[in-house]
Amino acid sequence: MDITRRTDYAIRILLELARSDGDPVSVRTLATTQEVPYAFARGIQRDLAAAELVQTRRGASGGVVLGRDPRDISLLDVVRATQTSDSCSVCTRDPTWCSRMGGCVVHRVWREADEMMGNYLSGQSLAGLVEQERNR
């Protein structure tokens, strides 16, 4: 699995929101503090809102807040919200892609790698990462 720049930026933005203790943060502030181009941050915010990982609040004291408790947002959630795929190989995403499907021993390796990566990322929550950061 290739973690895209979009996903990396999304994780940084979400970690900043997890540190804010529920206070709304403007997209501009998130973009500045996390060194993300503003237009890119706006697009990421839309992806995260569509996945219900964040909520937006309008008005003078508005901004972006987490859509769920940071203990309930995993890195796998972020990958799925910001990337077109969470697989390491096209053959695990599209069974019609390869004519060797069903008889290829390597397909099993890619499928198991996807499962291992998914399990690992689903066990990494925003709250856990913020806690690790505080304990450094």
N, C-alpha and C. Protein backbone atom coordinates (compact mmCIF):
# COMPACT_ATOMS: atom_id res chain seq x y z
N MET A 1 0.85 -1.18 0.00
CA MET A 1 0.00 0.00 0.00
C MET A 1 0.89 1.24 0.00
N ASP A 2 0.54 2.16 -0.85
CA ASP A 2 1.28 3.40 -0.96
C ASP A 2 0.46 4.50 -0.27
N ILE A 3 1.00 5.07 0.79
CA ILE A 3 0.30 6.15 1.50
C ILE A 3 0.56 7.44 0.72
N THR A 4 -0.50 8.06 0.26
CA THR A 4 -0.38 9.26 -0.55
C THR A 4 -0.11 10.49 0.31
N ARG A 5 0.34 11.54 -0.35
CA ARG A 5 0.55 12.82 0.34
C ARG A 5 -0.77 13.31 0.95
N ARG A 6 -1.87 13.11 0.21
CA ARG A 6 -3.19 13.52 0.70
C ARG A 6 -3.50 12.83 2.03
N THR A 7 -3.22 11.55 2.12
CA THR A 7 -3.47 10.79 3.36
C THR A 7 -2.55 11.27 4.47
N ASP A 8 -1.29 11.49 4.15
CA ASP A 8 -0.35 11.99 5.15
C ASP A 8 -0.82 13.34 5.70
N TYR A 9 -1.21 14.24 4.82
CA TYR A 9 -1.71 15.54 5.27
C TYR A 9 -2.98 15.38 6.09
N ALA A 10 -3.86 14.49 5.68
CA ALA A 10 -5.11 14.27 6.41
C ALA A 10 -4.83 13.79 7.83
N ILE A 11 -3.88 12.90 7.98
CA ILE A 11 -3.52 12.41 9.31
C ILE A 11 -2.98 13.55 10.16
N ARG A 12 -2.13 14.39 9.59
CA ARG A 12 -1.58 15.53 10.33
C ARG A 12 -2.69 16.49 10.76
N ILE A 13 -3.64 16.74 9.86
CA ILE A 13 -4.77 17.63 10.19
C ILE A 13 -5.61 17.02 11.30
N LEU A 14 -5.89 15.74 11.20
CA LEU A 14 -6.71 15.08 12.23
C LEU A 14 -5.99 15.03 13.58
N LEU A 15 -4.69 14.83 13.56
CA LEU A 15 -3.95 14.86 14.83
C LEU A 15 -4.02 16.24 15.47
N GLU A 16 -3.93 17.28 14.66
CA GLU A 16 -4.06 18.64 15.18
C GLU A 16 -5.44 18.84 15.81
N LEU A 17 -6.48 18.33 15.15
CA LEU A 17 -7.83 18.44 15.72
C LEU A 17 -7.96 17.62 17.00
N ALA A 18 -7.33 16.46 17.06
CA ALA A 18 -7.38 15.64 18.27
C ALA A 18 -6.69 16.35 19.44
N ARG A 19 -5.66 17.14 19.15
CA ARG A 19 -4.97 17.90 20.19
C ARG A 19 -5.77 19.11 20.66
N SER A 20 -6.76 19.53 19.87
CA SER A 20 -7.49 20.77 20.18
C SER A 20 -8.59 20.58 21.22
N ASP A 21 -8.76 19.37 21.72
CA ASP A 21 -9.75 19.07 22.76
C ASP A 21 -11.16 19.51 22.41
N GLY A 22 -11.55 19.35 21.15
CA GLY A 22 -12.92 19.64 20.74
C GLY A 22 -13.18 21.06 20.33
N ASP A 23 -12.20 21.94 20.45
CA ASP A 23 -12.38 23.33 20.01
C ASP A 23 -12.29 23.39 18.49
N PRO A 24 -13.19 24.13 17.84
CA PRO A 24 -13.12 24.25 16.38
C PRO A 24 -11.83 24.95 15.95
N VAL A 25 -11.28 24.46 14.85
CA VAL A 25 -10.06 25.03 14.28
C VAL A 25 -10.35 25.33 12.82
N SER A 26 -9.98 26.51 12.37
CA SER A 26 -10.23 26.86 10.97
C SER A 26 -9.34 26.04 10.05
N VAL A 27 -9.81 25.81 8.85
CA VAL A 27 -9.01 25.09 7.86
C VAL A 27 -7.74 25.87 7.56
N ARG A 28 -7.83 27.19 7.54
CA ARG A 28 -6.63 27.99 7.30
C ARG A 28 -5.59 27.76 8.40
N THR A 29 -6.01 27.73 9.64
CA THR A 29 -5.08 27.48 10.74
C THR A 29 -4.49 26.08 10.64
N LEU A 30 -5.33 25.10 10.34
CA LEU A 30 -4.84 23.73 10.17
C LEU A 30 -3.81 23.66 9.06
N ALA A 31 -4.10 24.32 7.95
CA ALA A 31 -3.19 24.32 6.81
C ALA A 31 -1.86 24.96 7.19
N THR A 32 -1.92 26.07 7.89
CA THR A 32 -0.70 26.78 8.28
C THR A 32 0.13 25.98 9.27
N THR A 33 -0.51 25.50 10.34
CA THR A 33 0.24 24.80 11.38
C THR A 33 0.80 23.47 10.90
N GLN A 34 0.12 22.84 9.96
CA GLN A 34 0.57 21.54 9.46
C GLN A 34 1.30 21.62 8.13
N GLU A 35 1.53 22.85 7.66
CA GLU A 35 2.28 23.10 6.43
C GLU A 35 1.67 22.36 5.24
N VAL A 36 0.36 22.54 5.10
CA VAL A 36 -0.40 21.95 4.00
C VAL A 36 -0.92 23.11 3.15
N PRO A 37 -0.76 23.06 1.84
CA PRO A 37 -1.32 24.12 1.01
C PRO A 37 -2.82 24.27 1.30
N TYR A 38 -3.27 25.52 1.44
CA TYR A 38 -4.64 25.78 1.86
C TYR A 38 -5.67 25.10 0.95
N ALA A 39 -5.53 25.23 -0.36
CA ALA A 39 -6.50 24.62 -1.28
C ALA A 39 -6.53 23.10 -1.10
N PHE A 40 -5.38 22.51 -0.86
CA PHE A 40 -5.30 21.07 -0.63
C PHE A 40 -6.00 20.71 0.68
N ALA A 41 -5.79 21.52 1.71
CA ALA A 41 -6.43 21.29 3.01
C ALA A 41 -7.95 21.36 2.89
N ARG A 42 -8.45 22.28 2.08
CA ARG A 42 -9.91 22.39 1.87
C ARG A 42 -10.46 21.11 1.24
N GLY A 43 -9.76 20.58 0.25
CA GLY A 43 -10.18 19.33 -0.38
C GLY A 43 -10.14 18.16 0.59
N ILE A 44 -9.11 18.11 1.39
CA ILE A 44 -8.99 17.04 2.39
C ILE A 44 -10.12 17.16 3.40
N GLN A 45 -10.42 18.38 3.82
CA GLN A 45 -11.51 18.60 4.78
C GLN A 45 -12.82 18.07 4.21
N ARG A 46 -13.06 18.27 2.92
CA ARG A 46 -14.28 17.75 2.29
C ARG A 46 -14.30 16.22 2.31
N ASP A 47 -13.17 15.59 2.01
CA ASP A 47 -13.08 14.12 2.07
C ASP A 47 -13.36 13.61 3.48
N LEU A 48 -12.75 14.27 4.45
CA LEU A 48 -12.92 13.84 5.84
C LEU A 48 -14.35 14.06 6.33
N ALA A 49 -14.98 15.14 5.89
CA ALA A 49 -16.38 15.40 6.25
C ALA A 49 -17.30 14.37 5.61
N ALA A 50 -17.04 14.03 4.34
CA ALA A 50 -17.86 13.03 3.65
C ALA A 50 -17.77 11.68 4.36
N ALA A 51 -16.62 11.37 4.94
CA ALA A 51 -16.42 10.12 5.67
C ALA A 51 -16.86 10.24 7.13
N GLU A 52 -17.38 11.42 7.50
CA GLU A 52 -17.85 11.71 8.87
C GLU A 52 -16.73 11.62 9.91
N LEU A 53 -15.50 11.86 9.47
CA LEU A 53 -14.38 11.91 10.40
C LEU A 53 -14.25 13.29 11.02
N VAL A 54 -14.78 14.31 10.32
CA VAL A 54 -14.83 15.67 10.87
C VAL A 54 -16.21 16.25 10.62
N GLN A 55 -16.50 17.29 11.37
CA GLN A 55 -17.71 18.09 11.17
C GLN A 55 -17.25 19.53 11.02
N THR A 56 -17.99 20.28 10.24
CA THR A 56 -17.67 21.69 10.09
C THR A 56 -18.73 22.52 10.77
N ARG A 57 -18.29 23.61 11.34
CA ARG A 57 -19.19 24.57 12.00
C ARG A 57 -18.97 25.92 11.36
N ARG A 58 -20.06 26.56 11.01
CA ARG A 58 -19.98 27.87 10.36
C ARG A 58 -19.99 28.98 11.40
N GLY A 59 -19.61 30.16 10.94
CA GLY A 59 -19.69 31.34 11.79
C GLY A 59 -18.34 31.79 12.30
N ALA A 60 -18.39 32.89 13.06
CA ALA A 60 -17.17 33.51 13.55
C ALA A 60 -16.37 32.57 14.45
N SER A 61 -17.04 31.75 15.23
CA SER A 61 -16.33 30.82 16.11
C SER A 61 -16.38 29.40 15.54
N GLY A 62 -16.59 29.31 14.23
CA GLY A 62 -16.69 28.01 13.58
C GLY A 62 -15.34 27.44 13.23
N GLY A 63 -15.39 26.37 12.48
CA GLY A 63 -14.18 25.69 12.06
C GLY A 63 -14.46 24.22 11.90
N VAL A 64 -13.45 23.44 12.08
CA VAL A 64 -13.54 21.99 11.92
C VAL A 64 -13.31 21.33 13.27
N VAL A 65 -14.09 20.31 13.58
CA VAL A 65 -13.91 19.49 14.78
C VAL A 65 -13.95 18.02 14.37
N LEU A 66 -13.43 17.17 15.21
CA LEU A 66 -13.52 15.75 14.92
C LEU A 66 -14.97 15.31 14.91
N GLY A 67 -15.29 14.39 14.03
CA GLY A 67 -16.66 13.88 13.93
C GLY A 67 -16.93 12.75 14.90
N ARG A 68 -15.88 12.19 15.44
CA ARG A 68 -16.00 11.09 16.41
C ARG A 68 -14.91 11.25 17.46
N ASP A 69 -15.03 10.50 18.50
CA ASP A 69 -14.00 10.47 19.53
C ASP A 69 -12.69 10.03 18.88
N PRO A 70 -11.56 10.65 19.21
CA PRO A 70 -10.30 10.27 18.59
C PRO A 70 -9.90 8.82 18.84
N ARG A 71 -10.47 8.19 19.87
CA ARG A 71 -10.21 6.76 20.10
C ARG A 71 -10.90 5.90 19.05
N ASP A 72 -11.91 6.49 18.39
CA ASP A 72 -12.71 5.76 17.40
C ASP A 72 -12.35 6.11 15.96
N ILE A 73 -11.25 6.81 15.76
CA ILE A 73 -10.79 7.13 14.41
C ILE A 73 -9.44 6.47 14.22
N SER A 74 -9.39 5.50 13.32
CA SER A 74 -8.15 4.77 13.07
C SER A 74 -7.46 5.31 11.82
N LEU A 75 -6.20 4.98 11.70
CA LEU A 75 -5.48 5.37 10.49
C LEU A 75 -6.09 4.69 9.26
N LEU A 76 -6.64 3.51 9.42
CA LEU A 76 -7.30 2.86 8.29
C LEU A 76 -8.52 3.66 7.85
N ASP A 77 -9.25 4.25 8.80
CA ASP A 77 -10.38 5.12 8.44
C ASP A 77 -9.91 6.27 7.56
N VAL A 78 -8.76 6.84 7.90
CA VAL A 78 -8.22 7.97 7.16
C VAL A 78 -7.79 7.53 5.76
N VAL A 79 -7.12 6.41 5.68
CA VAL A 79 -6.70 5.89 4.37
C VAL A 79 -7.92 5.68 3.48
N ARG A 80 -8.94 5.07 4.02
CA ARG A 80 -10.14 4.80 3.23
C ARG A 80 -10.87 6.08 2.83
N ALA A 81 -10.75 7.13 3.63
CA ALA A 81 -11.42 8.39 3.32
C ALA A 81 -10.67 9.20 2.27
N THR A 82 -9.38 8.98 2.14
CA THR A 82 -8.57 9.86 1.30
C THR A 82 -7.88 9.19 0.12
N GLN A 83 -7.94 7.89 0.04
CA GLN A 83 -7.29 7.18 -1.06
C GLN A 83 -8.32 6.35 -1.83
N THR A 84 -8.00 6.08 -3.07
CA THR A 84 -8.90 5.26 -3.87
C THR A 84 -8.76 3.78 -3.53
N SER A 85 -7.67 3.40 -2.88
CA SER A 85 -7.46 2.00 -2.56
C SER A 85 -6.65 1.85 -1.28
N ASP A 86 -6.93 0.76 -0.57
CA ASP A 86 -6.12 0.43 0.59
C ASP A 86 -5.43 -0.92 0.38
N SER A 87 -5.18 -1.27 -0.88
CA SER A 87 -4.53 -2.54 -1.23
C SER A 87 -3.12 -2.30 -1.74
N CYS A 88 -2.30 -3.34 -1.60
CA CYS A 88 -0.94 -3.23 -2.11
C CYS A 88 -0.83 -3.72 -3.55
N SER A 89 -1.85 -4.40 -4.06
CA SER A 89 -1.78 -4.93 -5.42
C SER A 89 -3.14 -4.83 -6.10
N VAL A 90 -3.13 -4.55 -7.37
CA VAL A 90 -4.37 -4.43 -8.11
C VAL A 90 -5.13 -5.77 -8.13
N CYS A 91 -4.41 -6.88 -8.05
CA CYS A 91 -5.10 -8.18 -8.12
C CYS A 91 -5.96 -8.45 -6.89
N THR A 92 -5.68 -7.79 -5.78
CA THR A 92 -6.53 -7.97 -4.60
C THR A 92 -7.74 -7.05 -4.64
N ARG A 93 -7.69 -6.04 -5.51
CA ARG A 93 -8.82 -5.10 -5.66
C ARG A 93 -9.76 -5.51 -6.77
N ASP A 94 -9.21 -6.09 -7.83
CA ASP A 94 -10.00 -6.37 -9.03
C ASP A 94 -9.77 -7.81 -9.48
N PRO A 95 -10.73 -8.69 -9.17
CA PRO A 95 -10.55 -10.10 -9.52
C PRO A 95 -10.49 -10.36 -11.02
N THR A 96 -10.93 -9.43 -11.85
CA THR A 96 -10.88 -9.63 -13.30
C THR A 96 -9.57 -9.13 -13.91
N TRP A 97 -8.73 -8.51 -13.12
CA TRP A 97 -7.50 -7.90 -13.62
C TRP A 97 -6.50 -8.93 -14.14
N CYS A 98 -6.40 -10.06 -13.48
CA CYS A 98 -5.35 -11.04 -13.80
C CYS A 98 -5.96 -12.36 -14.26
N SER A 99 -5.45 -12.86 -15.33
CA SER A 99 -5.94 -14.15 -15.85
C SER A 99 -5.50 -15.33 -14.99
N ARG A 100 -4.56 -15.12 -14.10
CA ARG A 100 -4.04 -16.20 -13.24
C ARG A 100 -4.77 -16.27 -11.90
N MET A 101 -5.82 -15.47 -11.75
CA MET A 101 -6.57 -15.43 -10.49
C MET A 101 -7.05 -16.83 -10.11
N GLY A 102 -6.88 -17.16 -8.87
CA GLY A 102 -7.30 -18.46 -8.37
C GLY A 102 -6.19 -19.49 -8.39
N GLY A 103 -5.22 -19.35 -9.27
CA GLY A 103 -4.13 -20.30 -9.36
C GLY A 103 -2.78 -19.72 -9.02
N CYS A 104 -2.75 -18.47 -8.67
CA CYS A 104 -1.48 -17.78 -8.41
C CYS A 104 -1.19 -17.76 -6.91
N VAL A 105 -0.05 -18.31 -6.53
CA VAL A 105 0.31 -18.34 -5.12
C VAL A 105 0.67 -16.95 -4.58
N VAL A 106 1.08 -16.06 -5.45
CA VAL A 106 1.45 -14.71 -5.00
C VAL A 106 0.22 -13.91 -4.61
N HIS A 107 -0.92 -14.17 -5.25
CA HIS A 107 -2.16 -13.48 -4.91
C HIS A 107 -2.46 -13.63 -3.41
N ARG A 108 -2.26 -14.83 -2.88
CA ARG A 108 -2.48 -15.07 -1.46
C ARG A 108 -1.57 -14.18 -0.62
N VAL A 109 -0.33 -14.02 -1.04
CA VAL A 109 0.62 -13.18 -0.30
C VAL A 109 0.12 -11.74 -0.26
N TRP A 110 -0.32 -11.20 -1.41
CA TRP A 110 -0.81 -9.82 -1.45
C TRP A 110 -2.07 -9.67 -0.61
N ARG A 111 -2.96 -10.65 -0.69
CA ARG A 111 -4.19 -10.59 0.11
C ARG A 111 -3.87 -10.58 1.61
N GLU A 112 -2.96 -11.45 2.03
CA GLU A 112 -2.57 -11.50 3.44
C GLU A 112 -1.84 -10.23 3.86
N ALA A 113 -1.02 -9.66 2.98
CA ALA A 113 -0.34 -8.40 3.28
C ALA A 113 -1.37 -7.29 3.48
N ASP A 114 -2.39 -7.25 2.62
CA ASP A 114 -3.47 -6.27 2.78
C ASP A 114 -4.16 -6.44 4.13
N GLU A 115 -4.44 -7.69 4.49
CA GLU A 115 -5.11 -7.96 5.78
C GLU A 115 -4.24 -7.52 6.95
N MET A 116 -2.94 -7.85 6.89
CA MET A 116 -2.03 -7.46 7.97
C MET A 116 -1.94 -5.94 8.10
N MET A 117 -1.79 -5.26 6.97
CA MET A 117 -1.70 -3.80 7.00
C MET A 117 -3.00 -3.20 7.50
N GLY A 118 -4.12 -3.71 7.02
CA GLY A 118 -5.42 -3.22 7.48
C GLY A 118 -5.61 -3.41 8.98
N ASN A 119 -5.24 -4.57 9.47
CA ASN A 119 -5.36 -4.84 10.91
C ASN A 119 -4.47 -3.92 11.71
N TYR A 120 -3.25 -3.70 11.22
CA TYR A 120 -2.33 -2.83 11.93
C TYR A 120 -2.85 -1.39 11.95
N LEU A 121 -3.24 -0.87 10.80
CA LEU A 121 -3.71 0.51 10.73
C LEU A 121 -5.02 0.70 11.49
N SER A 122 -5.87 -0.31 11.51
CA SER A 122 -7.13 -0.17 12.25
C SER A 122 -6.88 -0.15 13.76
N GLY A 123 -5.74 -0.64 14.19
CA GLY A 123 -5.38 -0.62 15.61
C GLY A 123 -4.66 0.65 16.04
N GLN A 124 -4.41 1.56 15.10
CA GLN A 124 -3.72 2.81 15.40
C GLN A 124 -4.73 3.95 15.41
N SER A 125 -5.13 4.40 16.59
CA SER A 125 -6.12 5.48 16.70
C SER A 125 -5.44 6.83 16.84
N LEU A 126 -6.21 7.87 16.52
CA LEU A 126 -5.70 9.23 16.72
C LEU A 126 -5.36 9.45 18.19
N ALA A 127 -6.22 8.99 19.09
CA ALA A 127 -5.96 9.19 20.52
C ALA A 127 -4.66 8.50 20.94
N GLY A 128 -4.43 7.31 20.43
CA GLY A 128 -3.20 6.59 20.76
C GLY A 128 -1.97 7.31 20.27
N LEU A 129 -2.06 7.89 19.08
CA LEU A 129 -0.92 8.63 18.54
C LEU A 129 -0.65 9.91 19.32
N VAL A 130 -1.72 10.61 19.69
CA VAL A 130 -1.55 11.83 20.50
C VAL A 130 -0.94 11.47 21.85
N GLU A 131 -1.38 10.37 22.43
CA GLU A 131 -0.83 9.93 23.71
C GLU A 131 0.66 9.58 23.57
N GLN A 132 1.03 8.90 22.51
CA GLN A 132 2.44 8.60 22.28
C GLN A 132 3.27 9.86 22.16
N GLU A 133 2.70 10.85 21.48
CA GLU A 133 3.37 12.13 21.30
C GLU A 133 3.61 12.81 22.65
N ARG A 134 2.61 12.77 23.51
CA ARG A 134 2.71 13.42 24.83
C ARG A 134 3.72 12.72 25.73
N ASN A 135 3.89 11.42 25.52
CA ASN A 135 4.80 10.64 26.37
C ASN A 135 6.24 10.65 25.91
N ARG A 136 6.53 11.37 24.85
CA ARG A 136 7.93 11.43 24.35
C ARG A 136 8.78 12.28 25.22
